[in-house]
């Protein structure tokens, strides 16, 4: 309701129900999209994509792992430690790789949207994401983390 009143208060009242419906849908979609990506942050997304299928969604391959909802204190501690390590390694990435990686996998933007935001070609986005995921995989493997 606040978004509607702040951004569209000057619109005719006949348009408000449809605007409210769209704002509500987008807000709900954004919430679930972020929740889905953040809850899977501990997995290294590129390691789940088959090398012969560029259009595969790495998040879809992880649904089997979500079945066990029992969280032990030990598992929770491990997860928080792995998250801290991943965040540290993401910060170490070169700026363009970090930007592409976060837009694609954290913000769940597609390749075209990411390319437009970064002001580069779609091929550059794919290259930056690939290099970032390979760098992260190598860094995590060097620390003994296998996802």
N, C-alpha and C. Protein backbone atom coordinates (compact mmCIF):
# COMPACT_ATOMS: atom_id res chain seq x y z
N UNK A 1 0.83 -1.18 0.00
CA UNK A 1 0.00 0.00 0.00
C UNK A 1 0.88 1.26 0.00
N UNK A 2 1.99 1.19 0.75
CA UNK A 2 2.87 2.36 0.80
C UNK A 2 3.49 2.65 -0.56
N UNK A 3 3.93 1.61 -1.25
CA UNK A 3 4.51 1.80 -2.58
C UNK A 3 3.49 2.44 -3.52
N UNK A 4 2.26 1.98 -3.43
CA UNK A 4 1.20 2.51 -4.28
C UNK A 4 0.97 3.99 -3.99
N UNK A 5 0.88 4.33 -2.72
CA UNK A 5 0.59 5.73 -2.38
C UNK A 5 1.78 6.65 -2.67
N UNK A 6 2.99 6.15 -2.47
CA UNK A 6 4.17 6.98 -2.72
C UNK A 6 4.41 7.23 -4.20
N UNK A 7 4.29 6.19 -4.99
CA UNK A 7 4.68 6.29 -6.40
C UNK A 7 3.52 6.65 -7.34
N UNK A 8 2.31 6.26 -6.97
CA UNK A 8 1.20 6.40 -7.90
C UNK A 8 0.01 7.17 -7.32
N UNK A 9 0.24 8.00 -6.34
CA UNK A 9 -0.83 8.76 -5.72
C UNK A 9 -1.51 9.74 -6.66
N UNK A 10 -0.82 10.15 -7.70
CA UNK A 10 -1.38 11.11 -8.65
C UNK A 10 -2.18 10.46 -9.77
N UNK A 11 -2.25 9.15 -9.81
CA UNK A 11 -2.98 8.44 -10.87
C UNK A 11 -4.48 8.47 -10.61
N UNK A 12 -5.28 8.31 -11.65
CA UNK A 12 -6.74 8.25 -11.47
C UNK A 12 -7.11 7.01 -10.64
N UNK A 13 -8.18 7.13 -9.88
CA UNK A 13 -8.56 6.05 -8.97
C UNK A 13 -8.95 4.77 -9.70
N UNK A 14 -9.32 4.86 -10.95
CA UNK A 14 -9.68 3.66 -11.71
C UNK A 14 -8.45 2.77 -11.97
N UNK A 15 -7.26 3.35 -12.02
CA UNK A 15 -6.04 2.59 -12.29
C UNK A 15 -5.46 1.95 -11.02
N UNK A 16 -5.83 2.43 -9.86
CA UNK A 16 -5.21 1.99 -8.62
C UNK A 16 -5.37 0.49 -8.32
N UNK A 17 -6.53 -0.15 -8.53
CA UNK A 17 -6.62 -1.58 -8.22
C UNK A 17 -5.63 -2.43 -9.02
N UNK A 18 -5.50 -2.14 -10.31
CA UNK A 18 -4.56 -2.93 -11.14
C UNK A 18 -3.11 -2.64 -10.74
N UNK A 19 -2.81 -1.39 -10.45
CA UNK A 19 -1.45 -1.05 -10.01
C UNK A 19 -1.12 -1.75 -8.69
N UNK A 20 -2.08 -1.74 -7.77
CA UNK A 20 -1.86 -2.40 -6.49
C UNK A 20 -1.63 -3.90 -6.69
N UNK A 21 -2.42 -4.51 -7.55
CA UNK A 21 -2.28 -5.95 -7.83
C UNK A 21 -0.88 -6.25 -8.38
N UNK A 22 -0.39 -5.44 -9.30
CA UNK A 22 0.93 -5.65 -9.91
C UNK A 22 2.04 -5.44 -8.87
N UNK A 23 1.91 -4.40 -8.06
CA UNK A 23 2.91 -4.14 -7.02
C UNK A 23 2.96 -5.30 -6.04
N UNK A 24 1.80 -5.78 -5.65
CA UNK A 24 1.73 -6.90 -4.71
C UNK A 24 2.36 -8.16 -5.30
N UNK A 25 2.03 -8.46 -6.55
CA UNK A 25 2.60 -9.64 -7.20
C UNK A 25 4.12 -9.54 -7.29
N UNK A 26 4.61 -8.39 -7.71
CA UNK A 26 6.06 -8.21 -7.84
C UNK A 26 6.78 -8.29 -6.50
N UNK A 27 6.18 -7.74 -5.47
CA UNK A 27 6.78 -7.78 -4.14
C UNK A 27 6.85 -9.21 -3.61
N UNK A 28 5.79 -9.96 -3.80
CA UNK A 28 5.77 -11.35 -3.37
C UNK A 28 6.79 -12.16 -4.16
N UNK A 29 6.83 -11.96 -5.46
CA UNK A 29 7.77 -12.68 -6.32
C UNK A 29 9.21 -12.36 -5.92
N UNK A 30 9.50 -11.08 -5.68
CA UNK A 30 10.85 -10.69 -5.26
C UNK A 30 11.24 -11.33 -3.93
N UNK A 31 10.29 -11.37 -2.99
CA UNK A 31 10.57 -11.98 -1.69
C UNK A 31 10.94 -13.44 -1.86
N UNK A 32 10.15 -14.20 -2.59
CA UNK A 32 10.42 -15.63 -2.74
C UNK A 32 11.67 -15.88 -3.57
N UNK A 33 11.93 -15.03 -4.54
CA UNK A 33 13.14 -15.18 -5.35
C UNK A 33 14.37 -14.99 -4.49
N UNK A 34 14.38 -13.94 -3.67
CA UNK A 34 15.53 -13.71 -2.80
C UNK A 34 15.67 -14.81 -1.76
N UNK A 35 14.56 -15.25 -1.20
CA UNK A 35 14.60 -16.32 -0.21
C UNK A 35 15.17 -17.60 -0.81
N UNK A 36 14.76 -17.92 -2.01
CA UNK A 36 15.23 -19.13 -2.68
C UNK A 36 16.74 -19.06 -2.93
N UNK A 37 17.20 -17.93 -3.39
CA UNK A 37 18.62 -17.79 -3.70
C UNK A 37 19.46 -17.76 -2.42
N UNK A 38 19.00 -17.03 -1.42
CA UNK A 38 19.78 -16.92 -0.19
C UNK A 38 19.85 -18.23 0.56
N UNK A 39 18.78 -19.02 0.52
CA UNK A 39 18.81 -20.29 1.23
C UNK A 39 19.73 -21.30 0.55
N UNK A 40 20.04 -21.07 -0.70
CA UNK A 40 20.93 -21.97 -1.44
C UNK A 40 22.33 -21.40 -1.61
N UNK A 41 22.65 -20.34 -0.89
CA UNK A 41 23.92 -19.65 -1.01
C UNK A 41 25.09 -20.56 -0.72
N UNK A 42 24.87 -21.58 0.09
CA UNK A 42 25.98 -22.44 0.47
C UNK A 42 26.41 -23.38 -0.64
N UNK A 43 25.64 -23.48 -1.68
CA UNK A 43 26.01 -24.38 -2.77
C UNK A 43 26.72 -23.60 -3.86
N UNK A 44 27.62 -24.23 -4.48
CA UNK A 44 28.32 -23.58 -5.58
C UNK A 44 27.56 -23.88 -6.85
N UNK A 45 26.92 -22.89 -7.37
CA UNK A 45 25.95 -23.09 -8.43
C UNK A 45 26.54 -23.70 -9.71
N UNK A 46 27.72 -23.32 -10.05
CA UNK A 46 28.26 -23.81 -11.31
C UNK A 46 28.59 -25.29 -11.29
N UNK A 47 28.84 -25.85 -10.13
CA UNK A 47 29.21 -27.26 -10.07
C UNK A 47 28.03 -28.18 -10.35
N UNK A 48 26.81 -27.65 -10.36
CA UNK A 48 25.63 -28.46 -10.61
C UNK A 48 25.13 -28.35 -12.04
N UNK A 49 25.73 -27.48 -12.84
CA UNK A 49 25.29 -27.30 -14.22
C UNK A 49 26.06 -28.24 -15.12
N UNK A 50 25.36 -29.06 -15.90
CA UNK A 50 26.07 -29.92 -16.84
C UNK A 50 26.84 -29.06 -17.85
N UNK A 51 28.03 -29.48 -18.21
CA UNK A 51 28.86 -28.66 -19.09
C UNK A 51 28.27 -28.55 -20.50
N UNK A 52 27.40 -29.47 -20.89
CA UNK A 52 26.85 -29.43 -22.24
C UNK A 52 25.52 -28.68 -22.32
N UNK A 53 25.01 -28.15 -21.22
CA UNK A 53 23.71 -27.49 -21.22
C UNK A 53 23.84 -26.11 -20.57
N UNK A 54 23.97 -25.06 -21.41
CA UNK A 54 24.12 -23.70 -20.89
C UNK A 54 22.85 -23.17 -20.26
N UNK A 55 21.67 -23.64 -20.70
CA UNK A 55 20.41 -23.10 -20.22
C UNK A 55 19.89 -23.81 -18.98
N UNK A 56 20.62 -24.76 -18.44
CA UNK A 56 20.17 -25.48 -17.26
C UNK A 56 20.14 -24.55 -16.06
N UNK A 57 19.14 -24.73 -15.21
CA UNK A 57 19.02 -23.92 -14.01
C UNK A 57 19.60 -24.70 -12.84
N UNK A 58 20.71 -24.23 -12.27
CA UNK A 58 21.35 -24.97 -11.19
C UNK A 58 20.48 -25.07 -9.94
N UNK A 59 19.56 -24.14 -9.77
CA UNK A 59 18.70 -24.18 -8.59
C UNK A 59 17.71 -25.35 -8.65
N UNK A 60 17.32 -25.74 -9.85
CA UNK A 60 16.38 -26.85 -9.99
C UNK A 60 17.00 -28.18 -9.59
N UNK A 61 18.29 -28.32 -9.74
CA UNK A 61 18.94 -29.60 -9.42
C UNK A 61 19.08 -29.81 -7.92
N UNK A 62 18.85 -28.78 -7.14
CA UNK A 62 19.05 -28.87 -5.70
C UNK A 62 17.77 -29.17 -4.93
N UNK A 63 16.64 -29.36 -5.59
CA UNK A 63 15.39 -29.57 -4.89
C UNK A 63 15.42 -30.84 -4.05
N UNK A 64 16.17 -31.83 -4.47
CA UNK A 64 16.25 -33.07 -3.71
C UNK A 64 16.90 -32.84 -2.34
N UNK A 65 17.83 -31.90 -2.27
CA UNK A 65 18.52 -31.62 -1.01
C UNK A 65 17.64 -30.86 -0.02
N UNK A 66 16.59 -30.21 -0.51
CA UNK A 66 15.74 -29.42 0.36
C UNK A 66 14.75 -30.28 1.13
N UNK A 67 14.65 -31.56 0.82
CA UNK A 67 13.68 -32.43 1.45
C UNK A 67 13.89 -32.62 2.94
N UNK A 68 15.12 -32.61 3.40
CA UNK A 68 15.36 -32.80 4.83
C UNK A 68 15.34 -31.44 5.52
N UNK A 69 14.34 -31.21 6.34
CA UNK A 69 14.18 -29.93 7.01
C UNK A 69 14.71 -29.95 8.43
N UNK A 70 15.31 -31.05 8.85
CA UNK A 70 15.83 -31.15 10.20
C UNK A 70 17.18 -30.45 10.25
N UNK A 71 17.26 -29.42 11.09
CA UNK A 71 18.49 -28.64 11.20
C UNK A 71 19.06 -28.85 12.59
N UNK A 72 20.26 -29.40 12.62
CA UNK A 72 20.93 -29.63 13.89
C UNK A 72 21.82 -28.42 14.20
N UNK A 73 22.17 -28.22 15.45
CA UNK A 73 23.07 -27.10 15.77
C UNK A 73 24.41 -27.21 15.04
N UNK A 74 24.90 -28.43 14.91
CA UNK A 74 26.17 -28.64 14.21
C UNK A 74 26.04 -28.21 12.74
N UNK A 75 24.96 -28.64 12.10
CA UNK A 75 24.74 -28.28 10.69
C UNK A 75 24.56 -26.78 10.54
N UNK A 76 23.87 -26.17 11.47
CA UNK A 76 23.66 -24.72 11.43
C UNK A 76 24.99 -23.97 11.57
N UNK A 77 25.84 -24.44 12.46
CA UNK A 77 27.16 -23.83 12.64
C UNK A 77 28.00 -23.99 11.38
N UNK A 78 28.02 -25.19 10.83
CA UNK A 78 28.77 -25.44 9.59
C UNK A 78 28.28 -24.53 8.48
N UNK A 79 26.97 -24.42 8.35
CA UNK A 79 26.40 -23.59 7.29
C UNK A 79 26.82 -22.13 7.47
N UNK A 80 26.77 -21.62 8.68
CA UNK A 80 27.16 -20.23 8.90
C UNK A 80 28.65 -20.01 8.63
N UNK A 81 29.48 -21.01 8.94
CA UNK A 81 30.91 -20.89 8.67
C UNK A 81 31.17 -20.92 7.15
N UNK A 82 30.49 -21.80 6.45
CA UNK A 82 30.65 -21.88 5.00
C UNK A 82 30.17 -20.58 4.36
N UNK A 83 29.05 -20.04 4.84
CA UNK A 83 28.55 -18.77 4.31
C UNK A 83 29.57 -17.66 4.49
N UNK A 84 30.19 -17.61 5.65
CA UNK A 84 31.20 -16.57 5.90
C UNK A 84 32.38 -16.73 4.95
N UNK A 85 32.80 -17.96 4.71
CA UNK A 85 33.92 -18.20 3.80
C UNK A 85 33.54 -17.80 2.38
N UNK A 86 32.32 -18.17 1.95
CA UNK A 86 31.88 -17.83 0.60
C UNK A 86 31.80 -16.32 0.43
N UNK A 87 31.24 -15.62 1.42
CA UNK A 87 31.14 -14.17 1.34
C UNK A 87 32.53 -13.53 1.23
N UNK A 88 33.48 -14.06 1.99
CA UNK A 88 34.85 -13.55 1.92
C UNK A 88 35.44 -13.78 0.54
N UNK A 89 35.23 -14.96 -0.01
CA UNK A 89 35.76 -15.27 -1.34
C UNK A 89 35.08 -14.44 -2.43
N UNK A 90 33.79 -14.16 -2.29
CA UNK A 90 33.09 -13.32 -3.27
C UNK A 90 33.67 -11.91 -3.24
N UNK A 91 34.01 -11.42 -2.05
CA UNK A 91 34.60 -10.08 -1.93
C UNK A 91 35.97 -10.01 -2.61
N UNK A 92 36.65 -11.14 -2.69
CA UNK A 92 37.98 -11.17 -3.31
C UNK A 92 37.93 -11.20 -4.84
N UNK A 93 36.76 -11.49 -5.41
CA UNK A 93 36.64 -11.55 -6.87
C UNK A 93 36.90 -10.18 -7.49
N UNK A 94 37.39 -10.15 -8.73
CA UNK A 94 37.52 -8.87 -9.43
C UNK A 94 36.13 -8.21 -9.55
N UNK A 95 36.09 -6.88 -9.58
CA UNK A 95 34.80 -6.18 -9.54
C UNK A 95 33.79 -6.62 -10.60
N UNK A 96 34.20 -6.79 -11.84
CA UNK A 96 33.25 -7.16 -12.90
C UNK A 96 32.73 -8.59 -12.69
N UNK A 97 33.59 -9.50 -12.27
CA UNK A 97 33.16 -10.87 -12.01
C UNK A 97 32.19 -10.90 -10.83
N UNK A 98 32.52 -10.16 -9.79
CA UNK A 98 31.65 -10.10 -8.60
C UNK A 98 30.28 -9.51 -8.97
N UNK A 99 30.29 -8.45 -9.76
CA UNK A 99 29.05 -7.81 -10.18
C UNK A 99 28.18 -8.77 -10.99
N UNK A 100 28.78 -9.44 -11.95
CA UNK A 100 28.03 -10.39 -12.78
C UNK A 100 27.51 -11.55 -11.95
N UNK A 101 28.35 -12.09 -11.09
CA UNK A 101 27.96 -13.24 -10.26
C UNK A 101 26.80 -12.88 -9.34
N UNK A 102 26.89 -11.75 -8.67
CA UNK A 102 25.83 -11.36 -7.74
C UNK A 102 24.52 -11.04 -8.46
N UNK A 103 24.61 -10.39 -9.62
CA UNK A 103 23.38 -10.09 -10.36
C UNK A 103 22.71 -11.37 -10.84
N UNK A 104 23.50 -12.29 -11.35
CA UNK A 104 22.93 -13.52 -11.91
C UNK A 104 22.39 -14.45 -10.83
N UNK A 105 23.17 -14.69 -9.78
CA UNK A 105 22.80 -15.72 -8.82
C UNK A 105 22.17 -15.18 -7.54
N UNK A 106 22.49 -13.96 -7.14
CA UNK A 106 21.89 -13.41 -5.93
C UNK A 106 20.60 -12.68 -6.27
N UNK A 107 20.65 -11.82 -7.28
CA UNK A 107 19.47 -11.06 -7.67
C UNK A 107 18.60 -11.83 -8.66
N UNK A 108 19.08 -12.98 -9.13
CA UNK A 108 18.33 -13.85 -10.03
C UNK A 108 17.93 -13.14 -11.33
N UNK A 109 18.84 -12.34 -11.86
CA UNK A 109 18.59 -11.65 -13.12
C UNK A 109 19.01 -12.59 -14.26
N UNK A 110 18.34 -12.47 -15.40
CA UNK A 110 18.76 -13.29 -16.53
C UNK A 110 19.96 -12.63 -17.22
N UNK A 111 20.49 -13.32 -18.21
CA UNK A 111 21.71 -12.85 -18.86
C UNK A 111 21.50 -11.51 -19.54
N UNK A 112 20.37 -11.34 -20.22
CA UNK A 112 20.11 -10.08 -20.93
C UNK A 112 19.99 -8.90 -19.96
N UNK A 113 19.28 -9.10 -18.85
CA UNK A 113 19.14 -8.03 -17.86
C UNK A 113 20.49 -7.67 -17.25
N UNK A 114 21.29 -8.68 -16.96
CA UNK A 114 22.60 -8.44 -16.37
C UNK A 114 23.49 -7.69 -17.36
N UNK A 115 23.46 -8.08 -18.62
CA UNK A 115 24.27 -7.41 -19.64
C UNK A 115 23.87 -5.95 -19.78
N UNK A 116 22.57 -5.69 -19.77
CA UNK A 116 22.09 -4.31 -19.86
C UNK A 116 22.55 -3.49 -18.66
N UNK A 117 22.42 -4.07 -17.47
CA UNK A 117 22.81 -3.37 -16.24
C UNK A 117 24.31 -3.08 -16.20
N UNK A 118 25.08 -4.04 -16.68
CA UNK A 118 26.54 -3.88 -16.64
C UNK A 118 27.07 -3.09 -17.83
N UNK A 119 26.25 -2.92 -18.86
CA UNK A 119 26.69 -2.19 -20.04
C UNK A 119 27.68 -2.98 -20.88
N UNK A 120 27.44 -4.28 -21.00
CA UNK A 120 28.33 -5.13 -21.79
C UNK A 120 27.49 -6.15 -22.56
N UNK A 121 28.14 -7.02 -23.31
CA UNK A 121 27.42 -8.02 -24.09
C UNK A 121 27.03 -9.21 -23.22
N UNK A 122 26.10 -10.01 -23.73
CA UNK A 122 25.68 -11.22 -23.01
C UNK A 122 26.83 -12.20 -22.89
N UNK A 123 27.66 -12.27 -23.91
CA UNK A 123 28.83 -13.15 -23.86
C UNK A 123 29.79 -12.77 -22.74
N UNK A 124 29.96 -11.47 -22.52
CA UNK A 124 30.82 -11.01 -21.43
C UNK A 124 30.26 -11.42 -20.08
N UNK A 125 28.93 -11.33 -19.94
CA UNK A 125 28.29 -11.73 -18.68
C UNK A 125 28.55 -13.21 -18.44
N UNK A 126 28.37 -14.03 -19.47
CA UNK A 126 28.61 -15.47 -19.33
C UNK A 126 30.06 -15.75 -18.94
N UNK A 127 30.98 -15.03 -19.56
CA UNK A 127 32.40 -15.21 -19.26
C UNK A 127 32.71 -14.81 -17.83
N UNK A 128 32.21 -13.65 -17.40
CA UNK A 128 32.45 -13.19 -16.03
C UNK A 128 31.86 -14.17 -15.01
N UNK A 129 30.65 -14.65 -15.26
CA UNK A 129 30.01 -15.59 -14.33
C UNK A 129 30.78 -16.91 -14.27
N UNK A 130 31.19 -17.39 -15.42
CA UNK A 130 31.93 -18.64 -15.47
C UNK A 130 33.26 -18.52 -14.72
N UNK A 131 33.97 -17.45 -14.97
CA UNK A 131 35.25 -17.25 -14.28
C UNK A 131 35.05 -17.11 -12.77
N UNK A 132 33.99 -16.39 -12.39
CA UNK A 132 33.72 -16.20 -10.95
C UNK A 132 33.41 -17.52 -10.27
N UNK A 133 32.56 -18.34 -10.88
CA UNK A 133 32.19 -19.60 -10.26
C UNK A 133 33.37 -20.56 -10.21
N UNK A 134 34.21 -20.56 -11.25
CA UNK A 134 35.39 -21.42 -11.22
C UNK A 134 36.39 -20.96 -10.16
N UNK A 135 36.55 -19.65 -10.02
CA UNK A 135 37.44 -19.11 -8.99
C UNK A 135 36.92 -19.47 -7.60
N UNK A 136 35.61 -19.32 -7.40
CA UNK A 136 35.03 -19.66 -6.10
C UNK A 136 35.17 -21.16 -5.82
N UNK A 137 34.94 -21.98 -6.84
CA UNK A 137 35.07 -23.43 -6.66
C UNK A 137 36.48 -23.81 -6.24
N UNK A 138 37.46 -23.21 -6.91
CA UNK A 138 38.85 -23.51 -6.59
C UNK A 138 39.20 -23.02 -5.19
N UNK A 139 38.73 -21.85 -4.81
CA UNK A 139 39.02 -21.30 -3.48
C UNK A 139 38.39 -22.17 -2.39
N UNK A 140 37.17 -22.61 -2.63
CA UNK A 140 36.51 -23.45 -1.62
C UNK A 140 37.16 -24.82 -1.54
N UNK A 141 37.55 -25.36 -2.69
CA UNK A 141 38.21 -26.66 -2.70
C UNK A 141 39.54 -26.58 -1.97
N UNK A 142 40.26 -25.47 -2.13
CA UNK A 142 41.54 -25.28 -1.44
C UNK A 142 41.35 -25.22 0.07
N UNK A 143 40.20 -24.78 0.50
CA UNK A 143 39.89 -24.72 1.95
C UNK A 143 39.25 -26.00 2.46
N UNK A 144 39.10 -26.99 1.58
CA UNK A 144 38.55 -28.27 1.99
C UNK A 144 37.04 -28.31 2.03
N UNK A 145 36.39 -27.37 1.38
CA UNK A 145 34.92 -27.33 1.38
C UNK A 145 34.42 -27.99 0.11
N UNK A 146 33.65 -29.03 0.27
CA UNK A 146 33.06 -29.73 -0.87
C UNK A 146 31.56 -29.60 -0.77
N UNK A 147 30.94 -29.00 -1.77
CA UNK A 147 29.49 -28.80 -1.76
C UNK A 147 28.81 -29.76 -2.69
